[in-house]
Protein backbone atom coordinates (compact mmCIF):
# COMPACT_ATOMS: atom_id res chain seq x y z
CA UNK A 1 179.28 17.32 141.73
CA UNK A 2 177.50 15.65 144.90
CA UNK A 3 177.56 12.43 146.57
CA UNK A 4 173.76 12.31 147.03
CA UNK A 5 171.89 10.04 144.87
CA UNK A 6 169.06 10.90 142.73
CA UNK A 7 166.20 9.78 144.18
CA UNK A 8 167.09 11.07 148.21
CA UNK A 9 166.35 14.53 146.21
CA UNK A 10 163.51 13.32 144.32
CA UNK A 11 161.76 12.05 147.33
CA UNK A 12 163.34 15.27 149.58
CA UNK A 13 160.99 17.62 146.90
CA UNK A 14 158.07 15.10 147.38
CA UNK A 15 158.37 15.62 150.97
CA UNK A 16 158.34 19.46 150.53
CA UNK A 17 155.40 19.73 148.00
CA UNK A 18 153.48 17.78 150.85
CA UNK A 19 154.69 20.10 153.29
CA UNK A 20 153.51 23.23 150.83
CA UNK A 21 150.47 21.68 150.38
CA UNK A 22 149.65 21.24 153.80
CA UNK A 23 150.48 24.98 154.95
CA UNK A 24 148.20 25.75 152.35
CA UNK A 25 145.14 23.83 153.54
CA UNK A 26 146.20 25.38 157.08
CA UNK A 27 146.16 29.01 155.29
CA UNK A 28 142.81 28.45 153.78
CA UNK A 29 141.56 27.39 157.05
CA UNK A 30 142.40 30.53 158.66
CA UNK A 31 141.47 32.57 156.14
CA UNK A 32 144.52 34.15 154.99
CA UNK A 33 143.83 33.94 151.02
CA UNK A 34 147.50 35.67 150.22
CA UNK A 35 149.46 33.27 152.25
CA UNK A 36 147.13 30.41 150.17
CA UNK A 37 148.14 32.11 146.87
CA UNK A 38 151.86 32.51 147.76
CA UNK A 39 151.96 28.28 148.65
CA UNK A 40 149.96 27.78 145.47
CA UNK A 41 152.52 29.34 143.72
CA UNK A 42 155.40 27.90 145.22
CA UNK A 43 154.00 24.07 144.84
CA UNK A 44 153.23 24.84 140.98
CA UNK A 45 157.21 26.05 140.79
CA UNK A 46 158.52 23.09 142.78
CA UNK A 47 156.23 20.24 140.61
CA UNK A 48 157.53 19.82 137.65
CA UNK A 49 160.15 17.46 135.36
CA UNK A 50 161.46 14.15 137.11
CA UNK A 51 159.78 15.28 140.72
CA UNK A 52 156.87 14.73 139.37
CA UNK A 53 156.87 12.07 136.43
CA UNK A 54 155.61 8.93 138.19
CA UNK A 55 158.88 6.70 137.58
CA UNK A 56 162.46 7.94 137.13
CA UNK A 57 162.76 5.20 134.62
CA UNK A 58 160.83 5.94 131.91
């Protein structure tokens, strides 16, 4: 399907997760509750399955 390694995708999703977390914190500081909620919803949709696992070798 693709030549990309699974670990590279996991790392990408974890970086995206951290970015969304920081953006949510920035929105909270600005007082934009609607945007904060959207970032939190996005985080909950990304953080699941293999991305949330502590190790890929379970």
